[in-house]
Amino acid sequence: MQRFLIFAANCAVLVLLLIGLPAITHSQVGYWQLSSDSTGWQLLFWGLVVAAAGNGLAALALLKERKGRMLCWSWAAVFGGLLLACYGYRHGYFNFNWLKQALEWMQNHL
């Protein structure tokens, strides 16, 4: 039961951060964006930091059984990986121009 609660809580946080947060911070009327793009990135960044740190803290201090701790460490790694991916994308270390070009090619040729 404890592992199910860990899994459910982390899935809820993940959905909230990746779907709910951009929906809340993205205000757009037509082609005009009304909200700040940097605010959404900062909220996402710090949300991932809090989620990773919370899972690490739970694994270190709160949980006694090995399976629960391993599950928390794996969720901390997931949130840490997402944090690194967001940081790299935001600072231009990688991009998705290849995907954009492939989709535009498909749209023009199919």
PDB file of N, CA and C in Angstrom:
ATOM      1  N   MET A   1       0.821  -1.191   0.000  1.00  0.00           N
ATOM      2  CA  MET A   1       0.000   0.000   0.000  1.00  0.00           C
ATOM      3  C   MET A   1       0.868   1.259   0.000  1.00  0.00           C
ATOM      4  N   GLN A   2       1.975   1.203   0.733  1.00  0.00           N
ATOM      5  CA  GLN A   2       2.861   2.356   0.808  1.00  0.00           C
ATOM      6  C   GLN A   2       3.485   2.649  -0.561  1.00  0.00           C
ATOM      7  N   ARG A   3       3.870   1.614  -1.286  1.00  0.00           N
ATOM      8  CA  ARG A   3       4.448   1.808  -2.614  1.00  0.00           C
ATOM      9  C   ARG A   3       3.420   2.363  -3.589  1.00  0.00           C
ATOM     10  N   PHE A   4       2.173   1.929  -3.464  1.00  0.00           N
ATOM     11  CA  PHE A   4       1.120   2.475  -4.319  1.00  0.00           C
ATOM     12  C   PHE A   4       0.929   3.961  -4.049  1.00  0.00           C
ATOM     13  N   LEU A   5       0.951   4.362  -2.790  1.00  0.00           N
ATOM     14  CA  LEU A   5       0.800   5.784  -2.456  1.00  0.00           C
ATOM     15  C   LEU A   5       1.970   6.615  -2.978  1.00  0.00           C
ATOM     16  N   ILE A   6       3.173   6.074  -2.901  1.00  0.00           N
ATOM     17  CA  ILE A   6       4.345   6.766  -3.446  1.00  0.00           C
ATOM     18  C   ILE A   6       4.196   6.933  -4.946  1.00  0.00           C
ATOM     19  N   PHE A   7       3.803   5.857  -5.619  1.00  0.00           N
ATOM     20  CA  PHE A   7       3.631   5.894  -7.073  1.00  0.00           C
ATOM     21  C   PHE A   7       2.524   6.872  -7.464  1.00  0.00           C
ATOM     22  N   ALA A   8       1.401   6.825  -6.785  1.00  0.00           N
ATOM     23  CA  ALA A   8       0.272   7.700  -7.112  1.00  0.00           C
ATOM     24  C   ALA A   8       0.606   9.165  -6.859  1.00  0.00           C
ATOM     25  N   ALA A   9       1.260   9.452  -5.745  1.00  0.00           N
ATOM     26  CA  ALA A   9       1.613  10.838  -5.440  1.00  0.00           C
ATOM     27  C   ALA A   9       2.612  11.396  -6.455  1.00  0.00           C
ATOM     28  N   ASN A  10       3.595  10.603  -6.833  1.00  0.00           N
ATOM     29  CA  ASN A  10       4.582  11.066  -7.802  1.00  0.00           C
ATOM     30  C   ASN A  10       3.987  11.215  -9.196  1.00  0.00           C
ATOM     31  N   CYS A  11       3.077  10.334  -9.572  1.00  0.00           N
ATOM     32  CA  CYS A  11       2.397  10.487 -10.863  1.00  0.00           C
ATOM     33  C   CYS A  11       1.550  11.762 -10.868  1.00  0.00           C
ATOM     34  N   ALA A  12       0.885  12.045  -9.759  1.00  0.00           N
ATOM     35  CA  ALA A  12       0.083  13.264  -9.666  1.00  0.00           C
ATOM     36  C   ALA A  12       0.963  14.511  -9.777  1.00  0.00           C
ATOM     37  N   VAL A  13       2.104  14.497  -9.112  1.00  0.00           N
ATOM     38  CA  VAL A  13       3.030  15.635  -9.202  1.00  0.00           C
ATOM     39  C   VAL A  13       3.558  15.782 -10.625  1.00  0.00           C
ATOM     40  N   LEU A  14       3.874  14.679 -11.267  1.00  0.00           N
ATOM     41  CA  LEU A  14       4.381  14.706 -12.638  1.00  0.00           C
ATOM     42  C   LEU A  14       3.337  15.274 -13.598  1.00  0.00           C
ATOM     43  N   VAL A  15       2.105  14.841 -13.478  1.00  0.00           N
ATOM     44  CA  VAL A  15       1.037  15.368 -14.332  1.00  0.00           C
ATOM     45  C   VAL A  15       0.815  16.843 -14.048  1.00  0.00           C
ATOM     46  N   LEU A  16       0.835  17.210 -12.787  1.00  0.00           N
ATOM     47  CA  LEU A  16       0.651  18.610 -12.425  1.00  0.00           C
ATOM     48  C   LEU A  16       1.749  19.493 -13.011  1.00  0.00           C
ATOM     49  N   LEU A  17       2.992  19.031 -12.941  1.00  0.00           N
ATOM     50  CA  LEU A  17       4.112  19.828 -13.445  1.00  0.00           C
ATOM     51  C   LEU A  17       4.164  19.881 -14.964  1.00  0.00           C
ATOM     52  N   LEU A  18       3.901  18.772 -15.631  1.00  0.00           N
ATOM     53  CA  LEU A  18       4.084  18.723 -17.077  1.00  0.00           C
ATOM     54  C   LEU A  18       2.843  19.090 -17.873  1.00  0.00           C
ATOM     55  N   ILE A  19       1.660  18.972 -17.291  1.00  0.00           N
ATOM     56  CA  ILE A  19       0.442  19.319 -18.013  1.00  0.00           C
ATOM     57  C   ILE A  19      -0.253  20.527 -17.381  1.00  0.00           C
ATOM     58  N   GLY A  20      -0.446  20.487 -16.085  1.00  0.00           N
ATOM     59  CA  GLY A  20      -1.189  21.548 -15.416  1.00  0.00           C
ATOM     60  C   GLY A  20      -0.472  22.882 -15.359  1.00  0.00           C
ATOM     61  N   LEU A  21       0.800  22.847 -15.054  1.00  0.00           N
ATOM     62  CA  LEU A  21       1.568  24.091 -14.929  1.00  0.00           C
ATOM     63  C   LEU A  21       1.652  24.875 -16.236  1.00  0.00           C
ATOM     64  N   PRO A  22       1.986  24.237 -17.366  1.00  0.00           N
ATOM     65  CA  PRO A  22       1.984  25.010 -18.611  1.00  0.00           C
ATOM     66  C   PRO A  22       0.592  25.525 -18.992  1.00  0.00           C
ATOM     67  N   ALA A  23      -0.445  24.769 -18.668  1.00  0.00           N
ATOM     68  CA  ALA A  23      -1.796  25.225 -18.979  1.00  0.00           C
ATOM     69  C   ALA A  23      -2.176  26.447 -18.154  1.00  0.00           C
ATOM     70  N   ILE A  24      -1.706  26.498 -16.932  1.00  0.00           N
ATOM     71  CA  ILE A  24      -2.031  27.626 -16.059  1.00  0.00           C
ATOM     72  C   ILE A  24      -1.215  28.868 -16.421  1.00  0.00           C
ATOM     73  N   THR A  25       0.049  28.688 -16.712  1.00  0.00           N
ATOM     74  CA  THR A  25       0.927  29.841 -16.942  1.00  0.00           C
ATOM     75  C   THR A  25       0.905  30.339 -18.374  1.00  0.00           C
ATOM     76  N   HIS A  26       0.216  29.653 -19.279  1.00  0.00           N
ATOM     77  CA  HIS A  26       0.214  30.054 -20.682  1.00  0.00           C
ATOM     78  C   HIS A  26      -1.093  30.772 -21.013  1.00  0.00           C
ATOM     79  N   SER A  27      -1.065  32.077 -20.987  1.00  0.00           N
ATOM     80  CA  SER A  27      -2.227  32.879 -21.360  1.00  0.00           C
ATOM     81  C   SER A  27      -1.964  33.490 -22.717  1.00  0.00           C
ATOM     82  N   GLN A  28      -2.829  33.172 -23.658  1.00  0.00           N
ATOM     83  CA  GLN A  28      -2.610  33.652 -25.017  1.00  0.00           C
ATOM     84  C   GLN A  28      -3.952  34.041 -25.625  1.00  0.00           C
ATOM     85  N   VAL A  29      -3.972  35.206 -26.281  1.00  0.00           N
ATOM     86  CA  VAL A  29      -5.143  35.660 -27.013  1.00  0.00           C
ATOM     87  C   VAL A  29      -4.713  35.826 -28.458  1.00  0.00           C
ATOM     88  N   GLY A  30      -5.203  34.954 -29.320  1.00  0.00           N
ATOM     89  CA  GLY A  30      -4.759  34.981 -30.715  1.00  0.00           C
ATOM     90  C   GLY A  30      -3.289  34.612 -30.789  1.00  0.00           C
ATOM     91  N   TYR A  31      -2.496  35.510 -31.353  1.00  0.00           N
ATOM     92  CA  TYR A  31      -1.049  35.287 -31.424  1.00  0.00           C
ATOM     93  C   TYR A  31      -0.297  36.080 -30.364  1.00  0.00           C
ATOM     94  N   TRP A  32      -0.986  36.714 -29.461  1.00  0.00           N
ATOM     95  CA  TRP A  32      -0.345  37.495 -28.402  1.00  0.00           C
ATOM     96  C   TRP A  32      -0.269  36.676 -27.135  1.00  0.00           C
ATOM     97  N   GLN A  33       0.926  36.542 -26.623  1.00  0.00           N
ATOM     98  CA  GLN A  33       1.105  35.816 -25.368  1.00  0.00           C
ATOM     99  C   GLN A  33       1.088  36.828 -24.236  1.00  0.00           C
ATOM    100  N   LEU A  34       0.188  36.626 -23.285  1.00  0.00           N
ATOM    101  CA  LEU A  34      -0.006  37.577 -22.206  1.00  0.00           C
ATOM    102  C   LEU A  34       0.836  37.287 -20.974  1.00  0.00           C
ATOM    103  N   SER A  35       1.204  36.039 -20.776  1.00  0.00           N
ATOM    104  CA  SER A  35       1.990  35.686 -19.590  1.00  0.00           C
ATOM    105  C   SER A  35       3.465  35.573 -19.952  1.00  0.00           C
ATOM    106  N   SER A  36       4.288  35.676 -18.946  1.00  0.00           N
ATOM    107  CA  SER A  36       5.730  35.610 -19.138  1.00  0.00           C
ATOM    108  C   SER A  36       6.181  34.165 -19.318  1.00  0.00           C
ATOM    109  N   ASP A  37       7.016  33.933 -20.324  1.00  0.00           N
ATOM    110  CA  ASP A  37       7.534  32.594 -20.577  1.00  0.00           C
ATOM    111  C   ASP A  37       8.513  32.170 -19.481  1.00  0.00           C
ATOM    112  N   SER A  38       9.279  33.111 -18.974  1.00  0.00           N
ATOM    113  CA  SER A  38      10.271  32.765 -17.950  1.00  0.00           C
ATOM    114  C   SER A  38       9.611  32.355 -16.636  1.00  0.00           C
ATOM    115  N   THR A  39       8.446  32.876 -16.337  1.00  0.00           N
ATOM    116  CA  THR A  39       7.747  32.482 -15.113  1.00  0.00           C
ATOM    117  C   THR A  39       7.369  31.004 -15.160  1.00  0.00           C
ATOM    118  N   GLY A  40       6.874  30.553 -16.285  1.00  0.00           N
ATOM    119  CA  GLY A  40       6.525  29.141 -16.425  1.00  0.00           C
ATOM    120  C   GLY A  40       7.736  28.243 -16.304  1.00  0.00           C
ATOM    121  N   TRP A  41       8.862  28.644 -16.917  1.00  0.00           N
ATOM    122  CA  TRP A  41      10.086  27.844 -16.818  1.00  0.00           C
ATOM    123  C   TRP A  41      10.599  27.803 -15.389  1.00  0.00           C
ATOM    124  N   GLN A  42      10.547  28.929 -14.691  1.00  0.00           N
ATOM    125  CA  GLN A  42      11.016  28.947 -13.304  1.00  0.00           C
ATOM    126  C   GLN A  42      10.139  28.062 -12.419  1.00  0.00           C
ATOM    127  N   LEU A  43       8.823  28.128 -12.609  1.00  0.00           N
ATOM    128  CA  LEU A  43       7.935  27.279 -11.816  1.00  0.00           C
ATOM    129  C   LEU A  43       8.175  25.800 -12.100  1.00  0.00           C
ATOM    130  N   LEU A  44       8.375  25.465 -13.364  1.00  0.00           N
ATOM    131  CA  LEU A  44       8.657  24.076 -13.721  1.00  0.00           C
ATOM    132  C   LEU A  44       9.988  23.624 -13.126  1.00  0.00           C
ATOM    133  N   PHE A  45      11.018  24.456 -13.251  1.00  0.00           N
ATOM    134  CA  PHE A  45      12.336  24.132 -12.715  1.00  0.00           C
ATOM    135  C   PHE A  45      12.274  23.891 -11.206  1.00  0.00           C
ATOM    136  N   TRP A  46      11.700  24.812 -10.478  1.00  0.00           N
ATOM    137  CA  TRP A  46      11.654  24.676  -9.024  1.00  0.00           C
ATOM    138  C   TRP A  46      10.689  23.577  -8.581  1.00  0.00           C
ATOM    139  N   GLY A  47       9.649  23.323  -9.354  1.00  0.00           N
ATOM    140  CA  GLY A  47       8.770  22.195  -9.044  1.00  0.00           C
ATOM    141  C   GLY A  47       9.500  20.871  -9.168  1.00  0.00           C
ATOM    142  N   LEU A  48      10.320  20.738 -10.211  1.00  0.00           N
ATOM    143  CA  LEU A  48      11.115  19.519 -10.375  1.00  0.00           C
ATOM    144  C   LEU A  48      12.167  19.389  -9.277  1.00  0.00           C
ATOM    145  N   VAL A  49      12.758  20.505  -8.872  1.00  0.00           N
ATOM    146  CA  VAL A  49      13.742  20.477  -7.777  1.00  0.00           C
ATOM    147  C   VAL A  49      13.072  20.007  -6.486  1.00  0.00           C
ATOM    148  N   VAL A  50      11.913  20.560  -6.180  1.00  0.00           N
ATOM    149  CA  VAL A  50      11.208  20.183  -4.951  1.00  0.00           C
ATOM    150  C   VAL A  50      10.791  18.713  -4.999  1.00  0.00           C
ATOM    151  N   ALA A  51      10.309  18.245  -6.150  1.00  0.00           N
ATOM    152  CA  ALA A  51       9.891  16.853  -6.265  1.00  0.00           C
ATOM    153  C   ALA A  51      11.080  15.903  -6.108  1.00  0.00           C
ATOM    154  N   ALA A  52      12.199  16.212  -6.747  1.00  0.00           N
ATOM    155  CA  ALA A  52      13.383  15.357  -6.620  1.00  0.00           C
ATOM    156  C   ALA A  52      13.917  15.374  -5.190  1.00  0.00           C
ATOM    157  N   ALA A  53      13.982  16.549  -4.593  1.00  0.00           N
ATOM    158  CA  ALA A  53      14.475  16.649  -3.215  1.00  0.00           C
ATOM    159  C   ALA A  53      13.522  15.963  -2.238  1.00  0.00           C
ATOM    160  N   GLY A  54      12.228  16.093  -2.451  1.00  0.00           N
ATOM    161  CA  GLY A  54      11.255  15.431  -1.574  1.00  0.00           C
ATOM    162  C   GLY A  54      11.365  13.921  -1.634  1.00  0.00           C
ATOM    163  N   ASN A  55      11.563  13.381  -2.829  1.00  0.00           N
ATOM    164  CA  ASN A  55      11.741  11.933  -2.947  1.00  0.00           C
ATOM    165  C   ASN A  55      13.046  11.481  -2.315  1.00  0.00           C
ATOM    166  N   GLY A  56      14.100  12.262  -2.490  1.00  0.00           N
ATOM    167  CA  GLY A  56      15.371  11.923  -1.851  1.00  0.00           C
ATOM    168  C   GLY A  56      15.276  11.965  -0.339  1.00  0.00           C
ATOM    169  N   LEU A  57      14.595  12.978   0.179  1.00  0.00           N
ATOM    170  CA  LEU A  57      14.414  13.094   1.623  1.00  0.00           C
ATOM    171  C   LEU A  57      13.567  11.949   2.164  1.00  0.00           C
ATOM    172  N   ALA A  58      12.527  11.591   1.437  1.00  0.00           N
ATOM    173  CA  ALA A  58      11.686  10.463   1.871  1.00  0.00           C
ATOM    174  C   ALA A  58      12.479   9.169   1.874  1.00  0.00           C
ATOM    175  N   ALA A  59      13.336   8.987   0.878  1.00  0.00           N
ATOM    176  CA  ALA A  59      14.139   7.763   0.820  1.00  0.00           C
ATOM    177  C   ALA A  59      15.164   7.724   1.946  1.00  0.00           C
ATOM    178  N   LEU A  60      15.709   8.872   2.303  1.00  0.00           N
ATOM    179  CA  LEU A  60      16.732   8.906   3.352  1.00  0.00           C
ATOM    180  C   LEU A  60      16.157   8.837   4.759  1.00  0.00           C
ATOM    181  N   ALA A  61      15.089   9.576   5.023  1.00  0.00           N
ATOM    182  CA  ALA A  61      14.670   9.758   6.401  1.00  0.00           C
ATOM    183  C   ALA A  61      13.329   9.103   6.757  1.00  0.00           C
ATOM    184  N   LEU A  62      12.409   9.039   5.820  1.00  0.00           N
ATOM    185  CA  LEU A  62      11.057   8.647   6.201  1.00  0.00           C
ATOM    186  C   LEU A  62      10.750   7.171   6.037  1.00  0.00           C
ATOM    187  N   LEU A  63      11.265   6.558   5.006  1.00  0.00           N
ATOM    188  CA  LEU A  63      10.888   5.179   4.705  1.00  0.00           C
ATOM    189  C   LEU A  63      11.869   4.190   5.314  1.00  0.00           C
ATOM    190  N   LYS A  64      11.321   3.098   5.820  1.00  0.00           N
ATOM    191  CA  LYS A  64      12.156   2.077   6.459  1.00  0.00           C
ATOM    192  C   LYS A  64      12.370   0.862   5.571  1.00  0.00           C
ATOM    193  N   GLU A  65      11.375   0.495   4.761  1.00  0.00           N
ATOM    194  CA  GLU A  65      11.525  -0.713   3.943  1.00  0.00           C
ATOM    195  C   GLU A  65      12.313  -0.419   2.672  1.00  0.00           C
ATOM    196  N   ARG A  66      13.044  -1.417   2.220  1.00  0.00           N
ATOM    197  CA  ARG A  66      13.969  -1.252   1.101  1.00  0.00           C
ATOM    198  C   ARG A  66      13.245  -0.954  -0.214  1.00  0.00           C
ATOM    199  N   LYS A  67      12.131  -1.620  -0.476  1.00  0.00           N
ATOM    200  CA  LYS A  67      11.416  -1.434  -1.736  1.00  0.00           C
ATOM    201  C   LYS A  67      10.847  -0.010  -1.847  1.00  0.00           C
ATOM    202  N   GLY A  68      10.353   0.507  -0.764  1.00  0.00           N
ATOM    203  CA  GLY A  68       9.844   1.880  -0.760  1.00  0.00           C
ATOM    204  C   GLY A  68      10.952   2.893  -0.992  1.00  0.00           C
ATOM    205  N   ARG A  69      12.102   2.654  -0.364  1.00  0.00           N
ATOM    206  CA  ARG A  69      13.241   3.565  -0.574  1.00  0.00           C
ATOM    207  C   ARG A  69      13.729   3.524  -2.009  1.00  0.00           C
ATOM    208  N   MET A  70      13.802   2.329  -2.585  1.00  0.00           N
ATOM    209  CA  MET A  70      14.248   2.205  -3.973  1.00  0.00           C
ATOM    210  C   MET A  70      13.273   2.887  -4.931  1.00  0.00           C
ATOM    211  N   LEU A  71      11.991   2.791  -4.632  1.00  0.00           N
ATOM    212  CA  LEU A  71      10.994   3.454  -5.455  1.00  0.00           C
ATOM    213  C   LEU A  71      11.149   4.973  -5.372  1.00  0.00           C
ATOM    214  N   CYS A  72      11.402   5.481  -4.176  1.00  0.00           N
ATOM    215  CA  CYS A  72      11.627   6.929  -4.024  1.00  0.00           C
ATOM    216  C   CYS A  72      12.896   7.372  -4.738  1.00  0.00           C
ATOM    217  N   TRP A  73      13.948   6.565  -4.656  1.00  0.00           N
ATOM    218  CA  TRP A  73      15.183   6.915  -5.369  1.00  0.00           C
ATOM    219  C   TRP A  73      14.960   6.906  -6.877  1.00  0.00           C
ATOM    220  N   SER A  74      14.180   5.966  -7.362  1.00  0.00           N
ATOM    221  CA  SER A  74      13.920   5.930  -8.806  1.00  0.00           C
ATOM    222  C   SER A  74      13.092   7.136  -9.238  1.00  0.00           C
ATOM    223  N   TRP A  75      12.124   7.546  -8.427  1.00  0.00           N
ATOM    224  CA  TRP A  75      11.356   8.754  -8.758  1.00  0.00           C
ATOM    225  C   TRP A  75      12.229   9.998  -8.654  1.00  0.00           C
ATOM    226  N   ALA A  76      13.139  10.028  -7.699  1.00  0.00           N
ATOM    227  CA  ALA A  76      14.071  11.158  -7.611  1.00  0.00           C
ATOM    228  C   ALA A  76      14.936  11.227  -8.863  1.00  0.00           C
ATOM    229  N   ALA A  77      15.339  10.065  -9.380  1.00  0.00           N
ATOM    230  CA  ALA A  77      16.126  10.029 -10.620  1.00  0.00           C
ATOM    231  C   ALA A  77      15.290  10.498 -11.809  1.00  0.00           C
ATOM    232  N   VAL A  78      14.017  10.126 -11.867  1.00  0.00           N
ATOM    233  CA  VAL A  78      13.140  10.581 -12.952  1.00  0.00           C
ATOM    234  C   VAL A  78      13.011  12.100 -12.930  1.00  0.00           C
ATOM    235  N   PHE A  79      12.727  12.643 -11.754  1.00  0.00           N
ATOM    236  CA  PHE A  79      12.590  14.098 -11.650  1.00  0.00           C
ATOM    237  C   PHE A  79      13.919  14.802 -11.896  1.00  0.00           C
ATOM    238  N   GLY A  80      15.026  14.205 -11.455  1.00  0.00           N
ATOM    239  CA  GLY A  80      16.341  14.778 -11.734  1.00  0.00           C
ATOM    240  C   GLY A  80      16.666  14.773 -13.219  1.00  0.00           C
ATOM    241  N   GLY A  81      16.321  13.677 -13.914  1.00  0.00           N
ATOM    242  CA  GLY A  81      16.529  13.620 -15.357  1.00  0.00           C
ATOM    243  C   GLY A  81      15.699  14.652 -16.095  1.00  0.00           C
ATOM    244  N   LEU A  82      14.449  14.812 -15.683  1.00  0.00           N
ATOM    245  CA  LEU A  82      13.611  15.854 -16.281  1.00  0.00           C
ATOM    246  C   LEU A  82      14.155  17.246 -15.995  1.00  0.00           C
ATOM    247  N   LEU A  83      14.697  17.416 -14.813  1.00  0.00           N
ATOM    248  CA  LEU A  83      15.303  18.694 -14.457  1.00  0.00           C
ATOM    249  C   LEU A  83      16.497  18.991 -15.352  1.00  0.00           C
ATOM    250  N   LEU A  84      17.349  18.009 -15.585  1.00  0.00           N
ATOM    251  CA  LEU A  84      18.496  18.196 -16.481  1.00  0.00           C
ATOM    252  C   LEU A  84      18.047  18.443 -17.916  1.00  0.00           C
ATOM    253  N   ALA A  85      17.010  17.747 -18.358  1.00  0.00           N
ATOM    254  CA  ALA A  85      16.498  17.944 -19.716  1.00  0.00           C
ATOM    255  C   ALA A  85      15.920  19.347 -19.877  1.00  0.00           C
ATOM    256  N   CYS A  86      15.174  19.821 -18.908  1.00  0.00           N
ATOM    257  CA  CYS A  86      14.606  21.179 -18.979  1.00  0.00           C
ATOM    258  C   CYS A  86      15.706  22.231 -18.955  1.00  0.00           C
ATOM    259  N   TYR A  87      16.697  22.010 -18.122  1.00  0.00           N
ATOM    260  CA  TYR A  87      17.814  22.949 -18.050  1.00  0.00           C
ATOM    261  C   TYR A  87      18.568  22.987 -19.376  1.00  0.00           C
ATOM    262  N   GLY A  88      18.850  21.817 -19.941  1.00  0.00           N
ATOM    263  CA  GLY A  88      19.568  21.756 -21.210  1.00  0.00           C
ATOM    264  C   GLY A  88      18.790  22.378 -22.349  1.00  0.00           C
ATOM    265  N   TYR A  89      17.487  22.145 -22.393  1.00  0.00           N
ATOM    266  CA  TYR A  89      16.667  22.730 -23.449  1.00  0.00           C
ATOM    267  C   TYR A  89      16.576  24.245 -23.292  1.00  0.00           C
ATOM    268  N   ARG A  90      16.399  24.688 -22.066  1.00  0.00           N
ATOM    269  CA  ARG A  90      16.254  26.132 -21.807  1.00  0.00           C
ATOM    270  C   ARG A  90      17.535  26.893 -22.152  1.00  0.00           C
ATOM    271  N   HIS A  91      18.689  26.294 -21.916  1.00  0.00           N
ATOM    272  CA  HIS A  91      19.964  26.966 -22.166  1.00  0.00           C
ATOM    273  C   HIS A  91      20.552  26.633 -23.531  1.00  0.00           C
ATOM    274  N   GLY A  92      19.797  25.925 -24.360  1.00  0.00           N
ATOM    275  CA  GLY A  92      20.205  25.696 -25.741  1.00  0.00           C
ATOM    276  C   GLY A  92      21.207  24.591 -25.966  1.00  0.00           C
ATOM    277  N   TYR A  93      21.370  23.675 -25.011  1.00  0.00           N
ATOM    278  CA  TYR A  93      22.296  22.577 -25.204  1.00  0.00           C
ATOM    279  C   TYR A  93      21.754  21.541 -26.192  1.00  0.00           C
ATOM    280  N   PHE A  94      20.438  21.433 -26.308  1.00  0.00           N
ATOM    281  CA  PHE A  94      19.819  20.615 -27.346  1.00  0.00           C
ATOM    282  C   PHE A  94      18.480  21.243 -27.709  1.00  0.00           C
ATOM    283  N   ASN A  95      17.990  20.887 -28.889  1.00  0.00           N
ATOM    284  CA  ASN A  95      16.724  21.440 -29.348  1.00  0.00           C
ATOM    285  C   ASN A  95      15.967  20.393 -30.150  1.00  0.00           C
ATOM    286  N   PHE A  96      14.808  20.776 -30.610  1.00  0.00           N
ATOM    287  CA  PHE A  96      13.965  19.872 -31.366  1.00  0.00           C
ATOM    288  C   PHE A  96      13.729  20.383 -32.781  1.00  0.00           C
ATOM    289  N   ASN A  97      14.719  21.062 -33.363  1.00  0.00           N
ATOM    290  CA  ASN A  97      14.582  21.546 -34.729  1.00  0.00           C
ATOM    291  C   ASN A  97      14.464  20.396 -35.716  1.00  0.00           C
ATOM    292  N   TRP A  98      15.113  19.289 -35.454  1.00  0.00           N
ATOM    293  CA  TRP A  98      15.020  18.122 -36.331  1.00  0.00           C
ATOM    294  C   TRP A  98      13.593  17.611 -36.405  1.00  0.00           C
ATOM    295  N   LEU A  99      12.878  17.639 -35.286  1.00  0.00           N
ATOM    296  CA  LEU A  99      11.493  17.188 -35.262  1.00  0.00           C
ATOM    297  C   LEU A  99      10.598  18.159 -36.020  1.00  0.00           C
ATOM    298  N   LYS A 100      10.846  19.433 -35.851  1.00  0.00           N
ATOM    299  CA  LYS A 100      10.079  20.450 -36.563  1.00  0.00           C
ATOM    300  C   LYS A 100      10.270  20.303 -38.076  1.00  0.00           C
ATOM    301  N   GLN A 101      11.505  20.105 -38.505  1.00  0.00           N
ATOM    302  CA  GLN A 101      11.780  19.949 -39.928  1.00  0.00           C
ATOM    303  C   GLN A 101      11.149  18.677 -40.481  1.00  0.00           C
ATOM    304  N   ALA A 102      11.182  17.604 -39.727  1.00  0.00           N
ATOM    305  CA  ALA A 102      10.581  16.345 -40.181  1.00  0.00           C
ATOM    306  C   ALA A 102       9.061  16.476 -40.311  1.00  0.00           C
ATOM    307  N   LEU A 103       8.449  17.146 -39.359  1.00  0.00           N
ATOM    308  CA  LEU A 103       6.997  17.335 -39.426  1.00  0.00           C
ATOM    309  C   LEU A 103       6.606  18.261 -40.567  1.00  0.00           C
ATOM    310  N   GLU A 104       7.391  19.308 -40.799  1.00  0.00           N
ATOM    311  CA  GLU A 104       7.101  20.194 -41.916  1.00  0.00           C
ATOM    312  C   GLU A 104       7.299  19.466 -43.265  1.00  0.00           C
ATOM    313  N   TRP A 105       8.300  18.608 -43.361  1.00  0.00           N
ATOM    314  CA  TRP A 105       8.510  17.832 -44.579  1.00  0.00           C
ATOM    315  C   TRP A 105       7.320  16.901 -44.813  1.00  0.00           C
ATOM    316  N   MET A 106       6.859  16.249 -43.743  1.00  0.00           N
ATOM    317  CA  MET A 106       5.702  15.349 -43.873  1.00  0.00           C
ATOM    318  C   MET A 106       4.461  16.114 -44.290  1.00  0.00           C
ATOM    319  N   GLN A 107       4.295  17.301 -43.741  1.00  0.00           N
ATOM    320  CA  GLN A 107       3.112  18.107 -44.070  1.00  0.00           C
ATOM    321  C   GLN A 107       3.146  18.532 -45.526  1.00  0.00           C
ATOM    322  N   ASN A 108       4.299  18.847 -46.058  1.00  0.00           N
ATOM    323  CA  ASN A 108       4.414  19.304 -47.453  1.00  0.00           C
ATOM    324  C   ASN A 108       4.358  18.163 -48.455  1.00  0.00           C
ATOM    325  N   HIS A 109       4.824  16.983 -48.077  1.00  0.00           N
ATOM    326  CA  HIS A 109       4.940  15.887 -49.037  1.00  0.00           C
ATOM    327  C   HIS A 109       3.853  14.818 -48.913  1.00  0.00           C
ATOM    328  N   LEU A 110       3.069  14.850 -47.882  1.00  0.00           N
ATOM    329  CA  LEU A 110       2.029  13.818 -47.739  1.00  0.00           C
ATOM    330  C   LEU A 110       0.650  14.388 -47.923  1.00  0.00           C
TER     331      LEU A 110
END
